Amino acid sequence: MPLVKRTIEPRHLCHTVLPRNIKNELECVTNISLANVIRQLGSLSKYAEDLFGELFNEAHTFSFRVNSLQERVDLLSISVTQLDPKEEECSHPPITPANQTNGLYPLFNGTVTSEHRLQAITEGHEATPGPCGL
């Protein structure tokens, strides 16, 4: 089941009970519907800003990682071109599963902690009622 990150409110535009002393019901329903459409657009713009902020952060992180990898590839290509296979033996240790994970970035194991949760999911979590008493 997919996890809903963002919910646009109000979901129903015209579901409302009209007061009894309304002279023009059609005008009242139209005004209520337009007001709910404006509320939906406000909710949509809030989530659009949040979504584009997340995309910007992801792109920035991706750009940083790509630049770091490009620098490493450049340094490696320079060191490889300087090597002469007839004069030098390979002094690098063999690659084993134990030393493959030693990199610039530490392994991240806290994927479900509250401080790494997205803001939209945090808002949804705070809006839900607590567990029922047993």
N, C-alpha and C. Protein backbone atom coordinates (compact mmCIF):
# COMPACT_ATOMS: atom_id res chain seq x y z
N MET A 1 0.85 -1.17 0.00
CA MET A 1 0.00 0.00 0.00
C MET A 1 0.89 1.23 0.00
N PRO A 2 0.66 2.16 -0.90
CA PRO A 2 1.53 3.34 -0.97
C PRO A 2 1.30 4.26 0.22
N LEU A 3 2.36 4.93 0.59
CA LEU A 3 2.31 5.88 1.70
C LEU A 3 1.98 7.26 1.14
N VAL A 4 0.93 7.87 1.64
CA VAL A 4 0.51 9.19 1.18
C VAL A 4 1.40 10.22 1.85
N LYS A 5 2.15 10.96 1.04
CA LYS A 5 3.03 11.98 1.60
C LYS A 5 2.33 13.31 1.75
N ARG A 6 1.49 13.65 0.79
CA ARG A 6 0.84 14.95 0.79
C ARG A 6 -0.64 14.77 0.46
N THR A 7 -1.50 15.47 1.19
CA THR A 7 -2.93 15.40 0.94
C THR A 7 -3.43 16.81 0.68
N ILE A 8 -4.05 17.00 -0.46
CA ILE A 8 -4.60 18.30 -0.82
C ILE A 8 -5.97 18.43 -0.14
N GLU A 9 -6.15 19.49 0.62
CA GLU A 9 -7.41 19.74 1.32
C GLU A 9 -8.03 21.02 0.83
N PRO A 10 -9.30 21.17 0.80
CA PRO A 10 -10.37 20.18 1.04
C PRO A 10 -10.52 19.25 -0.15
N ARG A 11 -10.89 18.02 0.15
CA ARG A 11 -11.04 17.02 -0.91
C ARG A 11 -12.35 17.16 -1.65
N HIS A 12 -13.40 17.48 -0.95
CA HIS A 12 -14.72 17.62 -1.57
C HIS A 12 -15.07 19.09 -1.63
N LEU A 13 -15.35 19.58 -2.81
CA LEU A 13 -15.58 21.00 -3.00
C LEU A 13 -17.01 21.43 -2.68
N CYS A 14 -17.97 20.62 -3.02
CA CYS A 14 -19.37 21.04 -2.92
C CYS A 14 -20.16 20.29 -1.86
N HIS A 15 -19.54 19.44 -1.08
CA HIS A 15 -20.26 18.67 -0.07
C HIS A 15 -20.40 19.52 1.19
N THR A 16 -21.51 20.20 1.29
CA THR A 16 -21.76 21.02 2.46
C THR A 16 -23.27 21.16 2.65
N VAL A 17 -23.68 21.42 3.86
CA VAL A 17 -25.09 21.63 4.17
C VAL A 17 -25.37 23.12 4.08
N LEU A 18 -26.38 23.48 3.33
CA LEU A 18 -26.73 24.89 3.16
C LEU A 18 -27.60 25.36 4.31
N PRO A 19 -27.40 26.61 4.72
CA PRO A 19 -28.30 27.15 5.75
C PRO A 19 -29.74 27.23 5.22
N ARG A 20 -30.71 27.28 6.13
CA ARG A 20 -32.12 27.25 5.72
C ARG A 20 -32.61 28.57 5.15
N ASN A 21 -32.06 29.66 5.60
CA ASN A 21 -32.59 30.96 5.20
C ASN A 21 -31.84 31.56 4.01
N ILE A 22 -31.44 30.75 3.07
CA ILE A 22 -30.73 31.22 1.87
C ILE A 22 -31.76 31.55 0.79
N LYS A 23 -31.59 32.72 0.18
CA LYS A 23 -32.52 33.13 -0.88
C LYS A 23 -32.16 32.46 -2.21
N ASN A 24 -30.86 32.41 -2.51
CA ASN A 24 -30.43 31.87 -3.80
C ASN A 24 -29.45 30.72 -3.52
N GLU A 25 -29.94 29.50 -3.63
CA GLU A 25 -29.12 28.32 -3.32
C GLU A 25 -27.98 28.13 -4.30
N LEU A 26 -28.24 28.41 -5.57
CA LEU A 26 -27.21 28.25 -6.59
C LEU A 26 -26.03 29.18 -6.34
N GLU A 27 -26.31 30.41 -5.99
CA GLU A 27 -25.24 31.36 -5.68
C GLU A 27 -24.45 30.94 -4.45
N CYS A 28 -25.13 30.42 -3.45
CA CYS A 28 -24.47 29.97 -2.23
C CYS A 28 -23.54 28.78 -2.52
N VAL A 29 -24.03 27.81 -3.29
CA VAL A 29 -23.21 26.64 -3.63
C VAL A 29 -22.01 27.07 -4.48
N THR A 30 -22.22 28.00 -5.39
CA THR A 30 -21.13 28.50 -6.23
C THR A 30 -20.07 29.19 -5.38
N ASN A 31 -20.48 30.02 -4.44
CA ASN A 31 -19.52 30.72 -3.58
C ASN A 31 -18.74 29.75 -2.70
N ILE A 32 -19.43 28.76 -2.15
CA ILE A 32 -18.75 27.76 -1.32
C ILE A 32 -17.76 26.96 -2.16
N SER A 33 -18.16 26.58 -3.37
CA SER A 33 -17.28 25.80 -4.24
C SER A 33 -16.04 26.61 -4.64
N LEU A 34 -16.24 27.89 -4.97
CA LEU A 34 -15.09 28.72 -5.33
C LEU A 34 -14.15 28.93 -4.15
N ALA A 35 -14.71 29.11 -2.96
CA ALA A 35 -13.86 29.26 -1.77
C ALA A 35 -13.05 27.99 -1.52
N ASN A 36 -13.67 26.82 -1.72
CA ASN A 36 -12.94 25.56 -1.53
C ASN A 36 -11.90 25.35 -2.61
N VAL A 37 -12.17 25.81 -3.83
CA VAL A 37 -11.15 25.73 -4.89
C VAL A 37 -9.95 26.59 -4.52
N ILE A 38 -10.18 27.76 -3.96
CA ILE A 38 -9.07 28.63 -3.54
C ILE A 38 -8.29 27.97 -2.41
N ARG A 39 -8.98 27.31 -1.49
CA ARG A 39 -8.28 26.57 -0.41
C ARG A 39 -7.44 25.44 -0.99
N GLN A 40 -7.99 24.72 -1.98
CA GLN A 40 -7.22 23.65 -2.62
C GLN A 40 -5.98 24.19 -3.30
N LEU A 41 -6.11 25.31 -4.00
CA LEU A 41 -4.95 25.90 -4.68
C LEU A 41 -3.89 26.33 -3.68
N GLY A 42 -4.32 26.87 -2.54
CA GLY A 42 -3.36 27.23 -1.50
C GLY A 42 -2.62 26.02 -0.96
N SER A 43 -3.36 24.93 -0.73
CA SER A 43 -2.74 23.69 -0.26
C SER A 43 -1.80 23.13 -1.31
N LEU A 44 -2.22 23.19 -2.58
CA LEU A 44 -1.39 22.69 -3.67
C LEU A 44 -0.10 23.50 -3.80
N SER A 45 -0.19 24.82 -3.66
CA SER A 45 1.01 25.64 -3.78
C SER A 45 1.98 25.39 -2.63
N LYS A 46 1.44 25.13 -1.44
CA LYS A 46 2.31 24.80 -0.30
C LYS A 46 3.08 23.51 -0.58
N TYR A 47 2.38 22.50 -1.07
CA TYR A 47 3.05 21.23 -1.33
C TYR A 47 3.96 21.30 -2.55
N ALA A 48 3.63 22.15 -3.51
CA ALA A 48 4.51 22.33 -4.67
C ALA A 48 5.83 22.96 -4.22
N GLU A 49 5.75 23.94 -3.33
CA GLU A 49 6.98 24.55 -2.82
C GLU A 49 7.81 23.53 -2.05
N ASP A 50 7.15 22.71 -1.25
CA ASP A 50 7.83 21.67 -0.50
C ASP A 50 8.48 20.66 -1.44
N LEU A 51 7.77 20.26 -2.48
CA LEU A 51 8.28 19.29 -3.45
C LEU A 51 9.49 19.83 -4.19
N PHE A 52 9.41 21.09 -4.66
CA PHE A 52 10.54 21.67 -5.37
C PHE A 52 11.74 21.88 -4.44
N GLY A 53 11.48 22.17 -3.16
CA GLY A 53 12.58 22.25 -2.20
C GLY A 53 13.29 20.92 -2.04
N GLU A 54 12.51 19.83 -1.96
CA GLU A 54 13.11 18.50 -1.88
C GLU A 54 13.90 18.17 -3.14
N LEU A 55 13.36 18.52 -4.30
CA LEU A 55 14.07 18.27 -5.55
C LEU A 55 15.38 19.06 -5.62
N PHE A 56 15.35 20.31 -5.15
CA PHE A 56 16.56 21.12 -5.14
C PHE A 56 17.61 20.50 -4.23
N ASN A 57 17.22 20.05 -3.05
CA ASN A 57 18.18 19.43 -2.13
C ASN A 57 18.75 18.14 -2.71
N GLU A 58 17.90 17.34 -3.35
CA GLU A 58 18.38 16.11 -3.99
C GLU A 58 19.36 16.42 -5.13
N ALA A 59 19.03 17.43 -5.94
CA ALA A 59 19.91 17.80 -7.05
C ALA A 59 21.24 18.34 -6.55
N HIS A 60 21.21 19.10 -5.45
CA HIS A 60 22.44 19.64 -4.88
C HIS A 60 23.32 18.51 -4.35
N THR A 61 22.73 17.57 -3.65
CA THR A 61 23.48 16.42 -3.14
C THR A 61 24.05 15.60 -4.29
N PHE A 62 23.24 15.38 -5.32
CA PHE A 62 23.69 14.62 -6.48
C PHE A 62 24.83 15.33 -7.18
N SER A 63 24.74 16.65 -7.34
CA SER A 63 25.80 17.43 -7.98
C SER A 63 27.10 17.35 -7.19
N PHE A 64 26.99 17.43 -5.87
CA PHE A 64 28.19 17.33 -5.03
C PHE A 64 28.85 15.97 -5.19
N ARG A 65 28.04 14.91 -5.21
CA ARG A 65 28.60 13.57 -5.36
C ARG A 65 29.22 13.37 -6.73
N VAL A 66 28.59 13.90 -7.79
CA VAL A 66 29.14 13.78 -9.14
C VAL A 66 30.47 14.52 -9.24
N ASN A 67 30.55 15.72 -8.67
CA ASN A 67 31.80 16.47 -8.71
C ASN A 67 32.90 15.75 -7.94
N SER A 68 32.55 15.17 -6.80
CA SER A 68 33.53 14.41 -6.03
C SER A 68 34.03 13.20 -6.82
N LEU A 69 33.12 12.49 -7.47
CA LEU A 69 33.53 11.34 -8.28
C LEU A 69 34.37 11.75 -9.47
N GLN A 70 34.04 12.90 -10.09
CA GLN A 70 34.83 13.38 -11.23
C GLN A 70 36.25 13.71 -10.80
N GLU A 71 36.40 14.32 -9.62
CA GLU A 71 37.73 14.62 -9.11
C GLU A 71 38.52 13.33 -8.86
N ARG A 72 37.84 12.32 -8.31
CA ARG A 72 38.52 11.05 -8.05
C ARG A 72 38.93 10.38 -9.36
N VAL A 73 38.06 10.44 -10.38
CA VAL A 73 38.40 9.84 -11.67
C VAL A 73 39.57 10.57 -12.31
N ASP A 74 39.59 11.92 -12.20
CA ASP A 74 40.71 12.69 -12.75
C ASP A 74 42.02 12.32 -12.06
N LEU A 75 42.01 12.23 -10.73
CA LEU A 75 43.23 11.85 -10.00
C LEU A 75 43.67 10.43 -10.36
N LEU A 76 42.71 9.54 -10.52
CA LEU A 76 43.04 8.17 -10.89
C LEU A 76 43.62 8.10 -12.30
N SER A 77 43.05 8.87 -13.23
CA SER A 77 43.58 8.84 -14.59
C SER A 77 44.99 9.41 -14.64
N ILE A 78 45.27 10.43 -13.84
CA ILE A 78 46.63 10.98 -13.79
C ILE A 78 47.60 9.95 -13.24
N SER A 79 47.20 9.29 -12.15
CA SER A 79 48.12 8.30 -11.55
C SER A 79 48.31 7.10 -12.46
N VAL A 80 47.28 6.73 -13.22
CA VAL A 80 47.41 5.58 -14.14
C VAL A 80 48.32 5.93 -15.30
N THR A 81 48.23 7.15 -15.82
CA THR A 81 49.09 7.52 -16.94
C THR A 81 50.56 7.64 -16.50
N GLN A 82 50.81 7.91 -15.23
CA GLN A 82 52.18 8.03 -14.75
C GLN A 82 52.82 6.67 -14.44
N LEU A 83 52.02 5.63 -14.34
CA LEU A 83 52.56 4.31 -14.03
C LEU A 83 53.21 3.69 -15.26
N ASP A 84 54.31 3.04 -15.02
CA ASP A 84 54.97 2.28 -16.08
C ASP A 84 54.92 0.82 -15.66
N PRO A 85 54.18 -0.02 -16.36
CA PRO A 85 54.00 -1.41 -15.92
C PRO A 85 55.29 -2.24 -15.98
N LYS A 86 56.28 -1.79 -16.72
CA LYS A 86 57.52 -2.55 -16.81
C LYS A 86 58.40 -2.31 -15.60
N GLU A 87 58.27 -1.15 -14.97
CA GLU A 87 59.15 -0.81 -13.86
C GLU A 87 58.53 -1.05 -12.49
N GLU A 88 57.25 -0.88 -12.37
CA GLU A 88 56.62 -0.96 -11.05
C GLU A 88 55.68 -2.15 -10.98
N GLU A 89 55.65 -2.72 -9.79
CA GLU A 89 54.68 -3.77 -9.53
C GLU A 89 53.46 -3.14 -8.88
N CYS A 90 52.39 -3.83 -8.92
CA CYS A 90 51.14 -3.32 -8.33
C CYS A 90 51.27 -3.33 -6.82
N SER A 91 51.19 -2.15 -6.22
CA SER A 91 51.34 -2.05 -4.77
C SER A 91 50.01 -1.88 -4.05
N HIS A 92 48.92 -1.94 -4.79
CA HIS A 92 47.61 -1.78 -4.17
C HIS A 92 47.14 -3.11 -3.60
N PRO A 93 46.46 -3.07 -2.44
CA PRO A 93 45.94 -4.33 -1.88
C PRO A 93 44.78 -4.83 -2.73
N PRO A 94 44.55 -6.11 -2.71
CA PRO A 94 43.44 -6.65 -3.50
C PRO A 94 42.10 -6.16 -2.92
N ILE A 95 41.12 -6.05 -3.80
CA ILE A 95 39.80 -5.60 -3.37
C ILE A 95 39.05 -6.78 -2.79
N THR A 96 38.66 -6.64 -1.55
CA THR A 96 37.87 -7.67 -0.88
C THR A 96 36.60 -7.03 -0.35
N PRO A 97 35.59 -7.82 -0.01
CA PRO A 97 34.35 -7.23 0.53
C PRO A 97 34.57 -6.42 1.81
N ALA A 98 35.63 -6.71 2.54
CA ALA A 98 35.87 -5.99 3.79
C ALA A 98 36.30 -4.55 3.55
N ASN A 99 37.05 -4.27 2.48
CA ASN A 99 37.53 -2.91 2.26
C ASN A 99 36.82 -2.19 1.12
N GLN A 100 35.75 -2.74 0.58
CA GLN A 100 35.02 -2.05 -0.48
C GLN A 100 34.19 -0.89 0.06
N THR A 101 33.77 -0.95 1.29
CA THR A 101 32.86 0.08 1.83
C THR A 101 33.60 1.25 2.44
N ASN A 102 34.92 1.24 2.46
CA ASN A 102 35.67 2.35 3.03
C ASN A 102 35.73 3.48 2.01
N GLY A 103 34.86 4.47 2.17
CA GLY A 103 34.80 5.56 1.22
C GLY A 103 34.69 6.89 1.93
N LEU A 104 34.40 7.92 1.17
CA LEU A 104 34.25 9.24 1.74
C LEU A 104 32.96 9.39 2.51
N TYR A 105 31.93 8.66 2.11
CA TYR A 105 30.62 8.80 2.72
C TYR A 105 30.37 7.64 3.68
N PRO A 106 30.04 7.93 4.92
CA PRO A 106 29.74 6.83 5.85
C PRO A 106 28.41 6.18 5.51
N LEU A 107 28.28 4.93 5.88
CA LEU A 107 27.02 4.24 5.63
C LEU A 107 25.94 4.84 6.52
N PHE A 108 24.75 5.01 5.97
CA PHE A 108 23.64 5.63 6.69
C PHE A 108 22.64 4.56 7.06
N ASN A 109 22.44 4.35 8.35
CA ASN A 109 21.52 3.31 8.79
C ASN A 109 20.26 3.86 9.43
N GLY A 110 20.12 5.17 9.59
CA GLY A 110 18.97 5.74 10.28
C GLY A 110 17.88 6.21 9.35
N THR A 111 17.35 5.33 8.50
CA THR A 111 16.37 5.78 7.50
C THR A 111 15.00 6.04 8.10
N VAL A 112 14.67 5.47 9.21
CA VAL A 112 13.33 5.65 9.77
C VAL A 112 13.32 6.44 11.06
N THR A 113 14.38 7.15 11.35
CA THR A 113 14.39 7.97 12.55
C THR A 113 13.60 9.25 12.30
N SER A 114 13.11 9.86 13.37
CA SER A 114 12.23 11.02 13.23
C SER A 114 12.96 12.24 12.70
N GLU A 115 14.25 12.38 12.94
CA GLU A 115 14.96 13.56 12.44
C GLU A 115 15.27 13.49 10.95
N HIS A 116 15.17 12.30 10.33
CA HIS A 116 15.42 12.16 8.90
C HIS A 116 14.13 12.01 8.11
N ARG A 117 13.00 12.18 8.76
CA ARG A 117 11.71 12.05 8.10
C ARG A 117 11.41 13.32 7.31
N LEU A 118 10.78 13.18 6.12
CA LEU A 118 10.41 14.33 5.33
C LEU A 118 9.35 15.14 6.05
N GLN A 119 9.31 16.45 5.79
CA GLN A 119 8.40 17.33 6.49
C GLN A 119 6.94 16.97 6.21
N ALA A 120 6.63 16.59 4.98
CA ALA A 120 5.25 16.22 4.64
C ALA A 120 4.80 15.00 5.43
N ILE A 121 5.69 14.03 5.61
CA ILE A 121 5.35 12.84 6.37
C ILE A 121 5.24 13.17 7.85
N THR A 122 6.10 14.08 8.34
CA THR A 122 6.02 14.50 9.73
C THR A 122 4.70 15.19 10.01
N GLU A 123 4.25 16.06 9.09
CA GLU A 123 2.96 16.73 9.28
C GLU A 123 1.82 15.72 9.28
N GLY A 124 1.87 14.74 8.40
CA GLY A 124 0.84 13.70 8.38
C GLY A 124 0.86 12.87 9.64
N HIS A 125 2.05 12.59 10.16
CA HIS A 125 2.18 11.81 11.38
C HIS A 125 1.64 12.58 12.58
N GLU A 126 1.90 13.88 12.62
CA GLU A 126 1.41 14.69 13.74
C GLU A 126 -0.10 14.91 13.66
N ALA A 127 -0.68 14.86 12.46
CA ALA A 127 -2.11 15.09 12.31
C ALA A 127 -2.94 13.85 12.66
N THR A 128 -2.33 12.68 12.68
CA THR A 128 -3.08 11.47 12.99
C THR A 128 -3.30 11.36 14.49
N PRO A 129 -4.42 10.79 14.88
CA PRO A 129 -4.65 10.61 16.31
C PRO A 129 -3.74 9.52 16.86
N GLY A 130 -3.52 9.54 18.14
CA GLY A 130 -2.64 8.56 18.77
C GLY A 130 -3.28 7.18 18.76
N PRO A 131 -2.54 6.20 19.24
CA PRO A 131 -3.09 4.84 19.26
C PRO A 131 -4.24 4.74 20.27
N CYS A 132 -5.15 3.84 19.97
CA CYS A 132 -6.31 3.67 20.87
C CYS A 132 -5.87 2.96 22.14
N GLY A 133 -6.54 3.30 23.22
CA GLY A 133 -6.21 2.67 24.49
C GLY A 133 -6.68 1.23 24.54
N LEU A 134 -5.84 0.35 24.99
CA LEU A 134 -6.21 -1.08 25.07
C LEU A 134 -6.53 -1.44 26.49
